Amino acid sequence: MIEEFKIKGEYIELIQLLKALGIAQTGGHAKIIVEDNVVFRNGELETRKRAKLVIGDVIEIDDNRITLV
């Protein structure tokens, strides 16, 4: 799935994005997803749960590709 996600403010933390998209049901689930090393930010593995994502970042998780706008 390819989609765009509009952030409000300067950034959104990675675990908040996963919850907002419905990829994770809870914050704990979001942390597990990140710990499983399946989240890529702009083509590179992202291991920081609270990474500050900004407009223009592209997040890839499995078959999902999300562009932040």
PDB file of N, CA and C in Angstrom:
ATOM      1  N   MET A   1       0.844  -1.173   0.000  1.00  0.00           N
ATOM      2  CA  MET A   1       0.000   0.000   0.000  1.00  0.00           C
ATOM      3  C   MET A   1       0.892   1.240   0.000  1.00  0.00           C
ATOM      4  N   ILE A   2       0.593   2.166  -0.873  1.00  0.00           N
ATOM      5  CA  ILE A   2       1.314   3.436  -0.941  1.00  0.00           C
ATOM      6  C   ILE A   2       0.347   4.537  -0.534  1.00  0.00           C
ATOM      7  N   GLU A   3       0.775   5.361   0.409  1.00  0.00           N
ATOM      8  CA  GLU A   3      -0.114   6.428   0.846  1.00  0.00           C
ATOM      9  C   GLU A   3       0.681   7.619   1.355  1.00  0.00           C
ATOM     10  N   GLU A   4      -0.033   8.707   1.579  1.00  0.00           N
ATOM     11  CA  GLU A   4       0.552   9.904   2.161  1.00  0.00           C
ATOM     12  C   GLU A   4      -0.086  10.123   3.517  1.00  0.00           C
ATOM     13  N   PHE A   5       0.702  10.666   4.441  1.00  0.00           N
ATOM     14  CA  PHE A   5       0.198  10.974   5.773  1.00  0.00           C
ATOM     15  C   PHE A   5       0.566  12.407   6.091  1.00  0.00           C
ATOM     16  N   LYS A   6      -0.440  13.214   6.389  1.00  0.00           N
ATOM     17  CA  LYS A   6      -0.208  14.627   6.693  1.00  0.00           C
ATOM     18  C   LYS A   6       0.086  14.781   8.178  1.00  0.00           C
ATOM     19  N   ILE A   7       1.255  15.331   8.476  1.00  0.00           N
ATOM     20  CA  ILE A   7       1.597  15.546   9.879  1.00  0.00           C
ATOM     21  C   ILE A   7       1.214  16.968  10.280  1.00  0.00           C
ATOM     22  N   LYS A   8       0.892  17.095  11.552  1.00  0.00           N
ATOM     23  CA  LYS A   8       0.567  18.405  12.113  1.00  0.00           C
ATOM     24  C   LYS A   8       1.747  18.812  12.981  1.00  0.00           C
ATOM     25  N   GLY A   9       2.280  19.973  12.744  1.00  0.00           N
ATOM     26  CA  GLY A   9       3.457  20.406  13.488  1.00  0.00           C
ATOM     27  C   GLY A   9       4.725  20.074  12.733  1.00  0.00           C
ATOM     28  N   GLU A  10       5.846  20.178  13.451  1.00  0.00           N
ATOM     29  CA  GLU A  10       7.160  19.976  12.835  1.00  0.00           C
ATOM     30  C   GLU A  10       7.476  18.514  12.551  1.00  0.00           C
ATOM     31  N   TYR A  11       7.004  17.626  13.430  1.00  0.00           N
ATOM     32  CA  TYR A  11       7.372  16.210  13.301  1.00  0.00           C
ATOM     33  C   TYR A  11       6.328  15.330  13.973  1.00  0.00           C
ATOM     34  N   ILE A  12       6.468  14.020  13.756  1.00  0.00           N
ATOM     35  CA  ILE A  12       5.687  13.015  14.473  1.00  0.00           C
ATOM     36  C   ILE A  12       6.663  11.909  14.850  1.00  0.00           C
ATOM     37  N   GLU A  13       6.524  11.379  16.061  1.00  0.00           N
ATOM     38  CA  GLU A  13       7.400  10.289  16.481  1.00  0.00           C
ATOM     39  C   GLU A  13       6.976   9.001  15.775  1.00  0.00           C
ATOM     40  N   LEU A  14       7.943   8.143  15.519  1.00  0.00           N
ATOM     41  CA  LEU A  14       7.695   6.917  14.768  1.00  0.00           C
ATOM     42  C   LEU A  14       6.585   6.067  15.382  1.00  0.00           C
ATOM     43  N   ILE A  15       6.632   5.849  16.699  1.00  0.00           N
ATOM     44  CA  ILE A  15       5.601   4.997  17.303  1.00  0.00           C
ATOM     45  C   ILE A  15       4.218   5.644  17.215  1.00  0.00           C
ATOM     46  N   GLN A  16       4.164   6.972  17.246  1.00  0.00           N
ATOM     47  CA  GLN A  16       2.877   7.657  17.089  1.00  0.00           C
ATOM     48  C   GLN A  16       2.340   7.468  15.673  1.00  0.00           C
ATOM     49  N   LEU A  17       3.225   7.512  14.685  1.00  0.00           N
ATOM     50  CA  LEU A  17       2.816   7.312  13.301  1.00  0.00           C
ATOM     51  C   LEU A  17       2.257   5.899  13.107  1.00  0.00           C
ATOM     52  N   LEU A  18       2.929   4.901  13.651  1.00  0.00           N
ATOM     53  CA  LEU A  18       2.465   3.526  13.503  1.00  0.00           C
ATOM     54  C   LEU A  18       1.074   3.347  14.095  1.00  0.00           C
ATOM     55  N   LYS A  19       0.809   3.991  15.226  1.00  0.00           N
ATOM     56  CA  LYS A  19      -0.523   3.912  15.842  1.00  0.00           C
ATOM     57  C   LYS A  19      -1.545   4.671  15.004  1.00  0.00           C
ATOM     58  N   ALA A  20      -1.193   5.856  14.528  1.00  0.00           N
ATOM     59  CA  ALA A  20      -2.124   6.679  13.740  1.00  0.00           C
ATOM     60  C   ALA A  20      -2.529   5.987  12.443  1.00  0.00           C
ATOM     61  N   LEU A  21      -1.618   5.237  11.849  1.00  0.00           N
ATOM     62  CA  LEU A  21      -1.897   4.534  10.595  1.00  0.00           C
ATOM     63  C   LEU A  21      -2.651   3.226  10.814  1.00  0.00           C
ATOM     64  N   GLY A  22      -2.733   2.784  12.064  1.00  0.00           N
ATOM     65  CA  GLY A  22      -3.406   1.523  12.348  1.00  0.00           C
ATOM     66  C   GLY A  22      -2.517   0.313  12.127  1.00  0.00           C
ATOM     67  N   ILE A  23      -1.233   0.543  11.887  1.00  0.00           N
ATOM     68  CA  ILE A  23      -0.290  -0.567  11.715  1.00  0.00           C
ATOM     69  C   ILE A  23      -0.061  -1.236  13.070  1.00  0.00           C
ATOM     70  N   ALA A  24      -0.053  -0.418  14.126  1.00  0.00           N
ATOM     71  CA  ALA A  24       0.077  -0.926  15.501  1.00  0.00           C
ATOM     72  C   ALA A  24      -1.190  -0.586  16.269  1.00  0.00           C
ATOM     73  N   GLN A  25      -1.640  -1.526  17.087  1.00  0.00           N
ATOM     74  CA  GLN A  25      -2.848  -1.281  17.871  1.00  0.00           C
ATOM     75  C   GLN A  25      -2.558  -0.455  19.122  1.00  0.00           C
ATOM     76  N   THR A  26      -1.361  -0.621  19.687  1.00  0.00           N
ATOM     77  CA  THR A  26      -0.998   0.075  20.917  1.00  0.00           C
ATOM     78  C   THR A  26       0.434   0.586  20.813  1.00  0.00           C
ATOM     79  N   GLY A  27       0.823   1.392  21.788  1.00  0.00           N
ATOM     80  CA  GLY A  27       2.203   1.871  21.828  1.00  0.00           C
ATOM     81  C   GLY A  27       3.186   0.726  22.019  1.00  0.00           C
ATOM     82  N   GLY A  28       2.804  -0.249  22.842  1.00  0.00           N
ATOM     83  CA  GLY A  28       3.661  -1.409  23.049  1.00  0.00           C
ATOM     84  C   GLY A  28       3.843  -2.212  21.775  1.00  0.00           C
ATOM     85  N   HIS A  29       2.768  -2.362  21.025  1.00  0.00           N
ATOM     86  CA  HIS A  29       2.837  -3.068  19.743  1.00  0.00           C
ATOM     87  C   HIS A  29       3.733  -2.310  18.773  1.00  0.00           C
ATOM     88  N   ALA A  30       3.627  -0.985  18.762  1.00  0.00           N
ATOM     89  CA  ALA A  30       4.468  -0.159  17.886  1.00  0.00           C
ATOM     90  C   ALA A  30       5.947  -0.348  18.220  1.00  0.00           C
ATOM     91  N   LYS A  31       6.261  -0.404  19.506  1.00  0.00           N
ATOM     92  CA  LYS A  31       7.659  -0.602  19.920  1.00  0.00           C
ATOM     93  C   LYS A  31       8.176  -1.957  19.442  1.00  0.00           C
ATOM     94  N   ILE A  32       7.345  -2.975  19.525  1.00  0.00           N
ATOM     95  CA  ILE A  32       7.744  -4.313  19.071  1.00  0.00           C
ATOM     96  C   ILE A  32       8.020  -4.308  17.570  1.00  0.00           C
ATOM     97  N   ILE A  33       7.178  -3.620  16.815  1.00  0.00           N
ATOM     98  CA  ILE A  33       7.372  -3.529  15.363  1.00  0.00           C
ATOM     99  C   ILE A  33       8.737  -2.924  15.054  1.00  0.00           C
ATOM    100  N   VAL A  34       9.085  -1.844  15.750  1.00  0.00           N
ATOM    101  CA  VAL A  34      10.378  -1.195  15.522  1.00  0.00           C
ATOM    102  C   VAL A  34      11.524  -2.125  15.945  1.00  0.00           C
ATOM    103  N   GLU A  35      11.375  -2.802  17.061  1.00  0.00           N
ATOM    104  CA  GLU A  35      12.418  -3.722  17.551  1.00  0.00           C
ATOM    105  C   GLU A  35      12.626  -4.906  16.612  1.00  0.00           C
ATOM    106  N   ASP A  36      11.610  -5.250  15.818  1.00  0.00           N
ATOM    107  CA  ASP A  36      11.717  -6.362  14.873  1.00  0.00           C
ATOM    108  C   ASP A  36      12.519  -6.003  13.622  1.00  0.00           C
ATOM    109  N   ASN A  37      13.033  -4.768  13.568  1.00  0.00           N
ATOM    110  CA  ASN A  37      13.875  -4.310  12.450  1.00  0.00           C
ATOM    111  C   ASN A  37      13.188  -4.443  11.092  1.00  0.00           C
ATOM    112  N   VAL A  38      11.926  -3.983  11.015  1.00  0.00           N
ATOM    113  CA  VAL A  38      11.195  -4.025   9.754  1.00  0.00           C
ATOM    114  C   VAL A  38      10.786  -2.631   9.275  1.00  0.00           C
ATOM    115  N   VAL A  39      11.230  -1.596   9.994  1.00  0.00           N
ATOM    116  CA  VAL A  39      10.859  -0.222   9.643  1.00  0.00           C
ATOM    117  C   VAL A  39      12.058   0.457   8.978  1.00  0.00           C
ATOM    118  N   PHE A  40      11.815   1.005   7.786  1.00  0.00           N
ATOM    119  CA  PHE A  40      12.862   1.710   7.063  1.00  0.00           C
ATOM    120  C   PHE A  40      12.437   3.155   6.847  1.00  0.00           C
ATOM    121  N   ARG A  41      13.362   4.066   7.080  1.00  0.00           N
ATOM    122  CA  ARG A  41      13.128   5.501   6.889  1.00  0.00           C
ATOM    123  C   ARG A  41      14.080   5.968   5.798  1.00  0.00           C
ATOM    124  N   ASN A  42      13.506   6.448   4.714  1.00  0.00           N
ATOM    125  CA  ASN A  42      14.297   6.925   3.577  1.00  0.00           C
ATOM    126  C   ASN A  42      15.316   5.878   3.125  1.00  0.00           C
ATOM    127  N   GLY A  43      14.887   4.617   3.131  1.00  0.00           N
ATOM    128  CA  GLY A  43      15.729   3.533   2.631  1.00  0.00           C
ATOM    129  C   GLY A  43      16.690   2.936   3.642  1.00  0.00           C
ATOM    130  N   GLU A  44      16.755   3.480   4.862  1.00  0.00           N
ATOM    131  CA  GLU A  44      17.672   2.967   5.876  1.00  0.00           C
ATOM    132  C   GLU A  44      16.892   2.440   7.072  1.00  0.00           C
ATOM    133  N   LEU A  45      17.392   1.371   7.675  1.00  0.00           N
ATOM    134  CA  LEU A  45      16.754   0.776   8.838  1.00  0.00           C
ATOM    135  C   LEU A  45      16.621   1.815   9.949  1.00  0.00           C
ATOM    136  N   GLU A  46      15.430   1.945  10.517  1.00  0.00           N
ATOM    137  CA  GLU A  46      15.188   2.879  11.621  1.00  0.00           C
ATOM    138  C   GLU A  46      14.932   2.067  12.882  1.00  0.00           C
ATOM    139  N   THR A  47      15.790   2.220  13.868  1.00  0.00           N
ATOM    140  CA  THR A  47      15.683   1.446  15.106  1.00  0.00           C
ATOM    141  C   THR A  47      15.275   2.312  16.302  1.00  0.00           C
ATOM    142  N   ARG A  48      15.152   3.609  16.096  1.00  0.00           N
ATOM    143  CA  ARG A  48      14.772   4.513  17.192  1.00  0.00           C
ATOM    144  C   ARG A  48      13.251   4.613  17.265  1.00  0.00           C
ATOM    145  N   LYS A  49      12.686   4.167  18.356  1.00  0.00           N
ATOM    146  CA  LYS A  49      11.224   4.158  18.520  1.00  0.00           C
ATOM    147  C   LYS A  49      10.637   5.566  18.472  1.00  0.00           C
ATOM    148  N   ARG A  50      11.369   6.517  19.015  1.00  0.00           N
ATOM    149  CA  ARG A  50      10.871   7.895  19.088  1.00  0.00           C
ATOM    150  C   ARG A  50      11.538   8.803  18.061  1.00  0.00           C
ATOM    151  N   ALA A  51      12.002   8.205  16.958  1.00  0.00           N
ATOM    152  CA  ALA A  51      12.610   9.000  15.890  1.00  0.00           C
ATOM    153  C   ALA A  51      11.627  10.071  15.445  1.00  0.00           C
ATOM    154  N   LYS A  52      12.104  11.285  15.273  1.00  0.00           N
ATOM    155  CA  LYS A  52      11.259  12.400  14.870  1.00  0.00           C
ATOM    156  C   LYS A  52      11.189  12.437  13.348  1.00  0.00           C
ATOM    157  N   LEU A  53      10.041  12.060  12.823  1.00  0.00           N
ATOM    158  CA  LEU A  53       9.831  12.019  11.384  1.00  0.00           C
ATOM    159  C   LEU A  53       9.312  13.371  10.914  1.00  0.00           C
ATOM    160  N   VAL A  54       9.824  13.837   9.780  1.00  0.00           N
ATOM    161  CA  VAL A  54       9.456  15.154   9.266  1.00  0.00           C
ATOM    162  C   VAL A  54       8.887  15.040   7.857  1.00  0.00           C
ATOM    163  N   ILE A  55       8.319  16.144   7.391  1.00  0.00           N
ATOM    164  CA  ILE A  55       7.768  16.185   6.032  1.00  0.00           C
ATOM    165  C   ILE A  55       8.839  15.767   5.032  1.00  0.00           C
ATOM    166  N   GLY A  56       8.460  14.903   4.115  1.00  0.00           N
ATOM    167  CA  GLY A  56       9.383  14.417   3.096  1.00  0.00           C
ATOM    168  C   GLY A  56       9.957  13.044   3.397  1.00  0.00           C
ATOM    169  N   ASP A  57       9.887  12.615   4.664  1.00  0.00           N
ATOM    170  CA  ASP A  57      10.373  11.276   5.006  1.00  0.00           C
ATOM    171  C   ASP A  57       9.483  10.223   4.362  1.00  0.00           C
ATOM    172  N   VAL A  58      10.101   9.123   3.958  1.00  0.00           N
ATOM    173  CA  VAL A  58       9.369   7.983   3.408  1.00  0.00           C
ATOM    174  C   VAL A  58       9.618   6.800   4.334  1.00  0.00           C
ATOM    175  N   ILE A  59       8.528   6.257   4.862  1.00  0.00           N
ATOM    176  CA  ILE A  59       8.602   5.144   5.792  1.00  0.00           C
ATOM    177  C   ILE A  59       8.107   3.887   5.080  1.00  0.00           C
ATOM    178  N   GLU A  60       8.881   2.814   5.194  1.00  0.00           N
ATOM    179  CA  GLU A  60       8.491   1.547   4.584  1.00  0.00           C
ATOM    180  C   GLU A  60       8.437   0.467   5.661  1.00  0.00           C
ATOM    181  N   ILE A  61       7.288  -0.226   5.705  1.00  0.00           N
ATOM    182  CA  ILE A  61       7.085  -1.331   6.630  1.00  0.00           C
ATOM    183  C   ILE A  61       6.386  -2.426   5.841  1.00  0.00           C
ATOM    184  N   ASP A  62       7.079  -3.538   5.652  1.00  0.00           N
ATOM    185  CA  ASP A  62       6.544  -4.632   4.836  1.00  0.00           C
ATOM    186  C   ASP A  62       6.140  -4.091   3.462  1.00  0.00           C
ATOM    187  N   ASP A  63       4.865  -4.211   3.101  1.00  0.00           N
ATOM    188  CA  ASP A  63       4.401  -3.729   1.792  1.00  0.00           C
ATOM    189  C   ASP A  63       3.841  -2.319   1.858  1.00  0.00           C
ATOM    190  N   ASN A  64       3.962  -1.660   2.999  1.00  0.00           N
ATOM    191  CA  ASN A  64       3.442  -0.299   3.163  1.00  0.00           C
ATOM    192  C   ASN A  64       4.532   0.722   2.898  1.00  0.00           C
ATOM    193  N   ARG A  65       4.196   1.749   2.131  1.00  0.00           N
ATOM    194  CA  ARG A  65       5.117   2.849   1.852  1.00  0.00           C
ATOM    195  C   ARG A  65       4.365   4.136   2.131  1.00  0.00           C
ATOM    196  N   ILE A  66       4.797   4.870   3.144  1.00  0.00           N
ATOM    197  CA  ILE A  66       4.102   6.076   3.590  1.00  0.00           C
ATOM    198  C   ILE A  66       5.022   7.278   3.412  1.00  0.00           C
ATOM    199  N   THR A  67       4.515   8.280   2.695  1.00  0.00           N
ATOM    200  CA  THR A  67       5.246   9.531   2.528  1.00  0.00           C
ATOM    201  C   THR A  67       4.626  10.572   3.434  1.00  0.00           C
ATOM    202  N   LEU A  68       5.433  11.239   4.223  1.00  0.00           N
ATOM    203  CA  LEU A  68       4.917  12.280   5.117  1.00  0.00           C
ATOM    204  C   LEU A  68       4.837  13.602   4.384  1.00  0.00           C
ATOM    205  N   VAL A  69       3.675  14.219   4.463  1.00  0.00           N
ATOM    206  CA  VAL A  69       3.456  15.511   3.805  1.00  0.00           C
ATOM    207  C   VAL A  69       2.973  16.533   4.810  1.00  0.00           C
TER     208      VAL A  69
END
